[in-house]
N, C-alpha and C. Protein backbone atom coordinates (compact mmCIF):
# COMPACT_ATOMS: atom_id res chain seq x y z
N UNK A 1 -3.08 1.32 17.91
CA UNK A 1 -4.27 2.51 17.97
C UNK A 1 -5.17 1.55 16.54
N UNK A 2 -6.45 1.30 17.38
CA UNK A 2 -7.40 0.81 16.53
C UNK A 2 -8.27 1.53 15.91
N UNK A 3 -8.65 1.44 14.69
CA UNK A 3 -9.43 2.27 13.38
C UNK A 3 -10.55 3.12 13.82
N UNK A 4 -11.13 2.07 15.17
CA UNK A 4 -12.13 2.64 15.94
C UNK A 4 -11.84 4.01 16.29
N UNK A 5 -10.77 4.00 16.88
CA UNK A 5 -9.93 5.10 17.77
C UNK A 5 -9.32 6.64 16.97
N UNK A 6 -9.44 6.01 15.64
CA UNK A 6 -9.14 6.76 14.82
C UNK A 6 -9.97 7.96 14.37
N UNK A 7 -10.19 9.33 15.35
CA UNK A 7 -10.81 10.20 14.64
C UNK A 7 -10.42 10.60 13.23
N UNK A 8 -11.73 11.16 12.27
CA UNK A 8 -11.50 11.09 10.56
C UNK A 8 -10.33 12.54 10.78
N UNK A 9 -10.36 13.47 11.52
CA UNK A 9 -9.03 14.15 11.09
C UNK A 9 -8.30 14.21 11.78
N UNK A 10 -8.14 13.57 12.77
CA UNK A 10 -6.84 13.18 13.53
C UNK A 10 -6.21 11.81 12.27
N UNK A 11 -6.95 11.21 11.61
CA UNK A 11 -6.44 9.99 10.77
C UNK A 11 -5.91 11.53 9.43
N UNK A 12 -6.65 12.30 8.77
CA UNK A 12 -5.86 12.95 7.70
C UNK A 12 -4.64 13.72 8.44
N UNK A 13 -4.47 14.36 9.95
CA UNK A 13 -3.88 15.23 10.15
C UNK A 13 -2.32 14.18 10.14
N UNK A 14 -2.78 12.62 10.41
CA UNK A 14 -1.10 12.27 10.25
C UNK A 14 -1.26 11.90 9.30
N UNK A 15 -1.84 11.95 8.33
CA UNK A 15 -1.56 11.46 6.75
C UNK A 15 -0.80 12.64 6.43
N UNK A 16 -1.04 13.82 6.75
CA UNK A 16 -0.52 15.38 6.42
C UNK A 16 0.95 15.23 6.64
N UNK A 17 0.97 14.71 7.88
CA UNK A 17 2.64 14.83 8.92
C UNK A 17 3.28 13.91 8.03
N UNK A 18 2.85 12.84 7.50
CA UNK A 18 3.61 11.31 6.88
C UNK A 18 3.88 12.25 5.13
N UNK A 19 3.17 12.67 4.75
CA UNK A 19 3.27 13.28 3.42
C UNK A 19 4.49 14.27 3.66
N UNK A 20 4.42 15.47 4.43
CA UNK A 20 5.38 16.30 4.56
C UNK A 20 6.93 15.47 5.20
N UNK A 21 6.80 14.48 5.91
CA UNK A 21 8.29 14.04 6.64
C UNK A 21 8.58 13.50 5.11
N UNK A 22 7.96 12.19 4.26
CA UNK A 22 8.08 11.21 3.53
C UNK A 22 8.59 12.65 2.21
N UNK A 23 8.10 13.56 1.97
CA UNK A 23 9.23 15.00 1.23
C UNK A 23 9.92 15.17 1.07
N UNK A 24 10.50 15.66 2.47
CA UNK A 24 11.69 15.97 3.07
C UNK A 24 12.32 15.01 2.88
N UNK A 25 12.32 13.92 3.41
CA UNK A 25 13.54 12.97 3.43
C UNK A 25 13.82 12.58 1.73
N UNK A 26 12.70 12.59 1.32
CA UNK A 26 13.01 11.49 -0.33
C UNK A 26 13.43 12.75 -1.60
N UNK A 27 13.58 13.84 -1.42
CA UNK A 27 13.83 14.71 -1.93
C UNK A 27 14.96 14.47 -3.03
N UNK A 28 15.16 14.29 -4.23
CA UNK A 28 15.89 14.41 -4.87
C UNK A 28 15.89 13.25 -5.05
N UNK A 29 15.99 11.91 -4.66
CA UNK A 29 16.15 10.33 -4.59
C UNK A 29 15.28 9.78 -5.53
N UNK A 30 16.28 9.60 -6.26
CA UNK A 30 15.35 8.84 -7.90
C UNK A 30 15.81 7.34 -7.75
N UNK A 31 16.12 6.57 -6.68
CA UNK A 31 16.41 5.34 -6.93
C UNK A 31 15.00 4.22 -6.02
N UNK A 32 14.41 3.81 -6.55
CA UNK A 32 13.16 3.24 -6.46
C UNK A 32 12.85 2.56 -5.38
N UNK A 33 13.69 1.66 -4.80
CA UNK A 33 13.71 0.71 -3.86
C UNK A 33 14.34 1.67 -2.69
N UNK A 34 14.87 2.70 -3.12
CA UNK A 34 14.89 3.25 -1.77
C UNK A 34 13.79 4.33 -1.15
N UNK A 35 13.40 4.43 -1.92
CA UNK A 35 11.59 5.66 -2.03
C UNK A 35 10.80 4.42 -1.45
N UNK A 36 10.31 3.65 -1.93
CA UNK A 36 9.49 2.34 -1.18
C UNK A 36 10.11 2.03 -0.21
N UNK A 37 11.36 1.51 0.44
CA UNK A 37 11.69 1.43 2.07
C UNK A 37 11.26 2.14 3.35
N UNK A 38 11.50 3.70 2.50
CA UNK A 38 11.66 4.87 2.90
C UNK A 38 9.85 5.30 3.57
N UNK A 39 9.01 5.01 2.18
CA UNK A 39 7.41 5.12 2.15
C UNK A 39 6.76 3.81 3.48
N UNK A 40 7.58 2.59 3.11
CA UNK A 40 6.59 1.74 4.21
C UNK A 40 6.97 1.71 5.54
N UNK A 41 8.35 2.30 5.49
CA UNK A 41 8.98 3.12 7.24
C UNK A 41 8.11 3.62 7.87
N UNK A 42 7.99 5.11 7.31
CA UNK A 42 7.32 6.08 8.10
C UNK A 42 5.53 5.73 7.53
N UNK A 43 5.64 5.38 6.91
CA UNK A 43 3.83 4.52 7.13
C UNK A 43 3.37 3.51 8.25
N UNK A 44 4.18 2.58 8.52
CA UNK A 44 3.95 1.56 9.43
C UNK A 44 4.60 2.21 10.64
N UNK A 45 5.73 3.09 11.03
CA UNK A 45 5.34 4.00 12.20
C UNK A 45 4.66 4.68 12.43
N UNK A 46 3.93 5.58 11.40
CA UNK A 46 2.52 6.51 11.70
C UNK A 46 1.85 6.17 12.14
N UNK A 47 1.25 4.83 11.70
CA UNK A 47 -0.33 4.32 11.52
C UNK A 47 -0.40 3.20 12.66
N UNK A 48 -0.73 2.96 13.80
CA UNK A 48 -1.21 1.97 14.52
C UNK A 48 -1.94 0.56 14.25
N UNK A 49 -2.96 1.17 13.20
CA UNK A 49 -3.82 0.30 12.61
C UNK A 49 -3.08 -0.42 11.20
N UNK A 50 -2.25 -0.33 10.94
CA UNK A 50 -1.06 -0.76 9.99
C UNK A 50 -0.67 -1.72 10.49
N UNK A 51 -0.82 -3.19 9.88
CA UNK A 51 -0.78 -4.58 10.06
C UNK A 51 0.65 -4.92 9.10
N UNK A 52 0.50 -4.26 8.31
CA UNK A 52 1.57 -5.46 6.63
C UNK A 52 1.97 -4.03 5.73
N UNK A 53 3.04 -3.15 5.45
CA UNK A 53 3.08 -1.95 4.98
C UNK A 53 3.90 -2.12 3.82
N UNK A 54 3.47 -2.09 2.44
CA UNK A 54 5.13 -2.69 1.50
C UNK A 54 4.37 -2.13 0.21
N UNK A 55 5.04 -2.81 -0.69
CA UNK A 55 5.16 -2.98 -2.19
C UNK A 55 5.12 -4.33 -2.70
N UNK A 56 4.72 -4.27 -3.33
CA UNK A 56 4.87 -5.42 -4.80
C UNK A 56 4.91 -4.74 -5.85
N UNK A 57 6.31 -5.58 -6.28
CA UNK A 57 6.34 -4.36 -7.57
C UNK A 57 6.28 -4.85 -9.08
N UNK A 58 5.88 -4.56 -10.30
CA UNK A 58 5.59 -4.82 -11.17
C UNK A 58 7.71 -6.16 -11.89
N UNK A 59 7.19 -6.97 -12.20
CA UNK A 59 8.61 -7.91 -12.58
C UNK A 59 8.81 -8.06 -13.42
N UNK A 60 10.22 -7.01 -14.00
CA UNK A 60 10.61 -7.23 -15.09
C UNK A 60 10.95 -8.31 -15.69
N UNK A 61 10.71 -9.74 -15.28
CA UNK A 61 11.25 -10.68 -16.19
C UNK A 61 10.39 -11.27 -16.38
N UNK A 62 8.73 -11.17 -16.06
CA UNK A 62 7.84 -11.65 -16.08
C UNK A 62 6.09 -10.82 -15.99
N UNK A 63 6.11 -10.60 -17.30
CA UNK A 63 5.19 -9.90 -17.39
C UNK A 63 3.68 -10.37 -16.74
N UNK A 64 3.27 -9.01 -16.20
CA UNK A 64 2.01 -9.41 -15.48
C UNK A 64 1.84 -10.08 -14.57
N UNK A 65 3.06 -9.92 -13.91
CA UNK A 65 2.93 -10.63 -11.73
C UNK A 65 3.84 -9.79 -11.38
N UNK A 66 3.64 -9.62 -10.19
CA UNK A 66 3.97 -8.80 -9.01
C UNK A 66 5.17 -9.60 -8.44
N UNK A 67 6.35 -9.01 -7.88
CA UNK A 67 7.11 -9.83 -6.75
C UNK A 67 7.08 -9.06 -5.45
N UNK A 68 7.55 -9.46 -4.81
CA UNK A 68 7.59 -8.70 -2.91
C UNK A 68 8.73 -7.35 -3.23
N UNK A 69 8.33 -6.67 -2.64
CA UNK A 69 9.53 -5.44 -2.77
C UNK A 69 9.48 -4.98 -1.30
N UNK A 70 10.23 -4.14 -0.90
CA UNK A 70 10.56 -3.59 0.28
C UNK A 70 9.11 -3.17 1.17
N UNK A 71 9.29 -3.40 2.43
CA UNK A 71 7.89 -3.97 3.62
C UNK A 71 8.35 -3.71 4.89
N UNK A 72 6.92 -3.52 5.64
CA UNK A 72 7.15 -3.58 7.30
C UNK A 72 6.18 -4.27 7.83
N UNK A 73 6.79 -5.28 8.02
CA UNK A 73 5.54 -6.65 9.21
C UNK A 73 6.04 -8.11 8.69
N UNK A 74 4.69 -8.73 8.78
CA UNK A 74 5.45 -10.53 8.82
C UNK A 74 6.25 -10.67 7.54
N UNK A 75 6.06 -11.52 6.91
CA UNK A 75 6.24 -12.78 5.57
C UNK A 75 5.19 -12.08 4.94
N UNK A 76 5.71 -11.30 3.52
CA UNK A 76 4.46 -10.81 2.77
C UNK A 76 4.70 -12.70 1.20
N UNK A 77 4.03 -12.73 0.46
CA UNK A 77 3.76 -13.13 -0.26
C UNK A 77 4.95 -12.82 -1.27
N UNK A 78 5.72 -13.94 -2.29
CA UNK A 78 6.64 -13.83 -3.01
C UNK A 78 5.78 -13.17 -3.83
N UNK A 79 5.05 -13.83 -5.02
CA UNK A 79 5.22 -13.63 -6.11
C UNK A 79 3.10 -13.28 -6.17
N UNK A 80 2.38 -12.12 -6.96
CA UNK A 80 1.04 -12.32 -6.98
C UNK A 80 0.89 -12.07 -8.41
N UNK A 81 0.24 -12.78 -9.29
CA UNK A 81 -0.05 -12.86 -10.72
C UNK A 81 -1.32 -11.39 -10.51
N UNK A 82 -0.95 -10.71 -12.00
CA UNK A 82 -2.09 -9.92 -11.84
C UNK A 82 -3.23 -10.47 -12.29
N UNK A 83 -4.49 -9.64 -11.71
CA UNK A 83 -5.73 -10.33 -11.63
C UNK A 83 -6.25 -11.22 -10.18
N UNK A 84 -4.87 -11.52 -9.77
CA UNK A 84 -5.62 -12.71 -8.39
C UNK A 84 -5.28 -11.83 -6.92
N UNK A 85 -6.29 -11.77 -6.30
CA UNK A 85 -5.62 -11.22 -4.69
C UNK A 85 -6.34 -9.94 -5.18
N UNK A 86 -6.16 -9.38 -3.70
CA UNK A 86 -6.70 -8.11 -4.16
C UNK A 86 -5.48 -7.05 -4.47
N UNK A 87 -4.23 -7.64 -4.55
CA UNK A 87 -3.28 -6.67 -5.12
C UNK A 87 -2.98 -6.85 -6.77
N UNK A 88 -2.82 -8.41 -6.95
CA UNK A 88 -3.24 -8.59 -8.41
C UNK A 88 -4.43 -7.72 -8.93
N UNK A 89 -6.01 -7.67 -8.51
CA UNK A 89 -6.57 -6.77 -8.88
C UNK A 89 -6.21 -5.23 -8.77
N UNK A 90 -5.64 -4.77 -8.11
CA UNK A 90 -4.99 -3.74 -8.42
C UNK A 90 -4.10 -3.14 -8.98
N UNK A 91 -3.29 -4.44 -9.66
CA UNK A 91 -2.46 -4.36 -10.74
C UNK A 91 -2.76 -4.08 -12.18
N UNK A 92 -3.97 -5.34 -11.90
CA UNK A 92 -4.75 -5.65 -13.59
C UNK A 92 -5.79 -4.51 -13.65
N UNK A 93 -6.71 -3.23 -12.75
CA UNK A 93 -7.41 -2.28 -12.98
C UNK A 93 -6.54 -1.21 -13.07
N UNK A 94 -5.52 -1.58 -12.65
CA UNK A 94 -4.99 0.56 -12.15
C UNK A 94 -6.03 1.46 -11.02
N UNK A 95 -6.69 0.56 -10.44
CA UNK A 95 -7.25 1.18 -9.55
C UNK A 95 -7.18 0.63 -8.13
N UNK A 96 -7.38 1.23 -7.05
CA UNK A 96 -6.85 1.31 -5.93
C UNK A 96 -8.49 0.29 -5.14
N UNK A 97 -8.27 -0.41 -4.62
CA UNK A 97 -8.51 -1.79 -3.86
C UNK A 97 -8.71 -1.38 -2.64
N UNK A 98 -10.03 -1.16 -1.83
CA UNK A 98 -10.33 -0.57 -0.45
C UNK A 98 -11.30 -1.98 -0.01
N UNK A 99 -11.11 -2.70 1.15
CA UNK A 99 -11.66 -3.93 1.11
C UNK A 99 -11.91 -4.03 2.03
N UNK A 100 -13.22 -3.96 2.71
CA UNK A 100 -13.24 -3.83 4.20
C UNK A 100 -13.41 -5.37 4.80
N UNK A 101 -12.93 -6.20 3.88
CA UNK A 101 -13.11 -7.77 4.77
C UNK A 101 -12.48 -8.52 3.97
N UNK A 102 -11.35 -8.58 3.97
CA UNK A 102 -10.21 -9.51 2.87
C UNK A 102 -10.65 -10.54 2.87
N UNK A 103 -11.59 -11.61 3.54
CA UNK A 103 -11.97 -13.24 3.25
C UNK A 103 -12.89 -12.96 2.60
N UNK A 104 -13.76 -11.92 2.06
CA UNK A 104 -14.57 -12.19 1.35
C UNK A 104 -14.47 -11.38 -0.14
N UNK A 105 -13.34 -11.23 -0.16
CA UNK A 105 -13.00 -10.57 -1.88
C UNK A 105 -12.64 -12.21 -2.36
N UNK A 106 -13.28 -12.18 -3.55
CA UNK A 106 -12.85 -13.13 -4.40
C UNK A 106 -11.60 -13.28 -4.89
N UNK A 107 -10.89 -14.73 -4.53
CA UNK A 107 -9.89 -14.71 -4.91
C UNK A 107 -8.72 -14.44 -4.18
N UNK A 108 -9.24 -13.88 -2.64
CA UNK A 108 -7.81 -13.34 -1.77
C UNK A 108 -6.99 -14.43 -1.61
N UNK A 109 -5.80 -13.70 -2.08
CA UNK A 109 -4.55 -14.27 -1.08
C UNK A 109 -4.04 -14.43 0.41
N UNK A 110 -4.34 -15.69 0.95
CA UNK A 110 -4.23 -15.37 3.12
C UNK A 110 -2.10 -15.26 2.85
N UNK A 111 -1.46 -14.24 2.74
CA UNK A 111 0.25 -13.95 2.93
C UNK A 111 0.20 -14.58 4.47
N UNK A 112 -1.06 -13.86 5.65
CA UNK A 112 -0.81 -13.47 6.37
C UNK A 112 -2.71 -13.59 7.20
N UNK A 113 -2.60 -14.74 8.09
CA UNK A 113 -4.39 -15.15 8.23
C UNK A 113 -4.80 -14.15 9.25
N UNK A 114 -4.01 -13.19 9.83
CA UNK A 114 -4.10 -12.20 11.02
C UNK A 114 -4.76 -10.90 10.05
N UNK A 115 -4.27 -11.14 8.93
CA UNK A 115 -4.81 -9.53 8.04
C UNK A 115 -6.12 -9.53 7.72
N UNK A 116 -7.13 -8.71 8.15
CA UNK A 116 -8.75 -8.97 7.94
C UNK A 116 -9.21 -7.89 7.13
N UNK A 117 -8.53 -6.66 6.70
CA UNK A 117 -9.20 -5.20 5.88
C UNK A 117 -7.80 -5.17 5.35
N UNK A 118 -7.75 -4.43 3.96
CA UNK A 118 -6.72 -4.09 3.17
C UNK A 118 -7.04 -2.59 2.29
N UNK A 119 -6.12 -1.92 1.92
CA UNK A 119 -5.99 -1.06 0.74
C UNK A 119 -4.61 -1.36 -0.13
N UNK A 120 -4.89 -1.37 -1.30
CA UNK A 120 -4.43 -1.35 -2.22
C UNK A 120 -3.87 -0.45 -3.24
N UNK A 121 -3.18 0.06 -3.39
CA UNK A 121 -2.87 1.52 -4.41
C UNK A 121 -2.02 1.35 -5.50
N UNK A 122 -2.00 1.17 -6.82
CA UNK A 122 -1.34 1.16 -7.49
C UNK A 122 -0.38 2.34 -7.44
N UNK A 123 0.94 2.00 -8.27
CA UNK A 123 2.17 3.04 -8.44
C UNK A 123 2.48 3.42 -9.71
N UNK A 124 1.98 4.53 -10.26
CA UNK A 124 2.54 4.89 -11.78
C UNK A 124 3.54 5.56 -11.53
N UNK A 125 4.39 5.34 -12.34
CA UNK A 125 5.56 6.18 -12.57
C UNK A 125 5.13 7.52 -13.23
N UNK A 126 6.23 8.52 -13.46
CA UNK A 126 5.82 9.90 -14.64
C UNK A 126 5.77 9.27 -15.92
N UNK A 127 5.95 8.19 -16.19
CA UNK A 127 5.91 7.85 -17.85
C UNK A 127 4.54 7.25 -18.12
N UNK A 128 3.80 6.94 -16.95
CA UNK A 128 2.60 6.50 -16.60
C UNK A 128 2.39 5.31 -16.97
N UNK A 129 3.42 4.47 -17.00
CA UNK A 129 3.62 2.92 -16.53
C UNK A 129 3.61 2.80 -15.18
N UNK A 130 2.45 1.51 -14.44
CA UNK A 130 2.49 0.84 -13.61
C UNK A 130 4.02 0.08 -13.31
N UNK A 131 4.35 0.83 -12.11
CA UNK A 131 5.55 0.19 -11.29
C UNK A 131 5.40 -1.30 -10.17
N UNK A 132 4.38 -0.72 -9.46
CA UNK A 132 4.07 -1.60 -8.33
C UNK A 132 2.97 -1.14 -7.69
N UNK A 133 2.09 -1.41 -6.87
CA UNK A 133 1.09 -1.41 -5.66
C UNK A 133 1.68 -1.51 -4.31
N UNK A 134 1.19 -0.37 -4.02
CA UNK A 134 1.38 -0.28 -2.14
C UNK A 134 0.59 -1.05 -1.57
N UNK A 135 0.25 -1.94 -0.88
CA UNK A 135 -0.45 -2.62 -0.01
C UNK A 135 -0.39 -2.50 1.46
N UNK A 136 -1.26 -2.05 2.31
CA UNK A 136 -1.79 -2.14 3.69
C UNK A 136 -2.44 -3.12 3.83
N UNK A 137 -2.28 -3.40 4.99
CA UNK A 137 -3.21 -4.56 5.49
C UNK A 137 -3.54 -4.25 7.19
N UNK A 138 -4.26 -4.43 7.74
CA UNK A 138 -5.20 -4.26 8.85
C UNK A 138 -5.47 -5.35 9.64
N UNK A 139 -5.51 -5.61 10.73
CA UNK A 139 -6.05 -6.99 11.71
C UNK A 139 -7.56 -6.42 11.87
N UNK A 140 -7.41 -5.94 11.77
CA UNK A 140 -9.00 -5.12 12.17
C UNK A 140 -9.93 -4.83 11.01
N UNK A 141 -11.52 -5.03 11.16
CA UNK A 141 -11.87 -5.12 9.71
C UNK A 141 -12.47 -3.43 9.31
N UNK A 142 -12.64 -3.17 8.21
CA UNK A 142 -13.04 -1.86 7.90
C UNK A 142 -12.40 -0.93 8.51
N UNK A 143 -10.65 -1.64 8.49
CA UNK A 143 -10.22 -0.08 8.92
C UNK A 143 -9.25 1.05 8.18
N UNK A 144 -9.94 0.44 6.73
CA UNK A 144 -9.82 1.87 5.28
C UNK A 144 -10.69 2.46 5.36
N UNK A 145 -10.52 3.87 4.65
CA UNK A 145 -11.94 4.51 4.41
C UNK A 145 -11.13 5.61 3.13
N UNK A 146 -11.97 6.23 2.97
CA UNK A 146 -11.93 7.56 1.71
C UNK A 146 -10.44 8.02 2.13
N UNK A 147 -10.84 8.47 3.25
CA UNK A 147 -9.42 9.33 3.76
C UNK A 147 -7.74 8.27 3.38
N UNK A 148 -7.63 6.96 4.15
CA UNK A 148 -7.35 6.55 3.44
C UNK A 148 -6.38 6.65 1.72
N UNK A 149 -7.66 6.01 1.39
CA UNK A 149 -7.89 6.06 -0.23
C UNK A 149 -7.27 7.72 -1.11
N UNK A 150 -7.42 8.38 -0.32
CA UNK A 150 -7.21 9.94 -1.18
C UNK A 150 -5.70 10.08 -0.63
N UNK A 151 -5.50 9.76 0.81
CA UNK A 151 -4.35 10.23 1.07
C UNK A 151 -3.08 9.36 0.52
N UNK A 152 -3.19 8.02 0.04
CA UNK A 152 -2.25 7.40 -0.03
C UNK A 152 -1.80 7.34 -1.50
N UNK A 153 -3.14 7.98 -2.34
CA UNK A 153 -2.69 7.88 -3.57
C UNK A 153 -2.43 9.17 -4.22
N UNK A 154 -2.43 10.35 -3.11
CA UNK A 154 -1.79 11.15 -3.38
C UNK A 154 -0.66 11.09 -3.40
N UNK A 155 0.03 10.88 -1.99
CA UNK A 155 1.49 10.23 -1.73
C UNK A 155 2.08 9.56 -2.85
N UNK A 156 1.57 8.83 -3.59
CA UNK A 156 2.12 7.23 -4.94
C UNK A 156 2.10 8.61 -5.77
N UNK A 157 1.65 9.60 -5.58
CA UNK A 157 1.40 10.24 -7.03
C UNK A 157 2.74 11.48 -6.71
N UNK A 158 3.08 11.73 -5.35
CA UNK A 158 3.88 12.41 -5.60
C UNK A 158 5.10 12.23 -5.00
N UNK A 159 5.93 11.24 -4.49
CA UNK A 159 6.58 10.26 -4.06
C UNK A 159 7.15 9.86 -5.99
N UNK A 160 6.65 9.12 -6.41
CA UNK A 160 6.77 8.53 -7.92
C UNK A 160 6.45 8.93 -9.49
N UNK A 161 5.50 10.11 -9.08
CA UNK A 161 5.32 10.30 -10.86
C UNK A 161 6.35 11.16 -11.27
């Protein structure tokens, strides 16, 4: 389903369904890897315009560096320094990055050249620490909007805080 065909109301209802499913499935689970794998799977299956869906986790061994975590899609970059590319910018600023054209983003890292738009949401745990970023790519330009941003930020808070 291309972004152009996803009506805002349908997109919102799909996010509502995904959130209900994820809350039900993950209730009581505390293992972060299991949670990330489950979130990646459900979101990837729910949204046809998601080309790559997954997490880059803050590496406990290397300060200010992300390492690839659970994901669905083609091969991801193994490591991303804070401040580099869309994921690194989201990690450094702790702010969601919504990018209509990744090729115009300064310092963009092309893990897969087929990706054209992206949204990256910081994942903050209950102690207020950045533990990861959720990265979602699309082959279409301009796939992500405020509905995606609000829904994904809310979901990350519900699952990981």
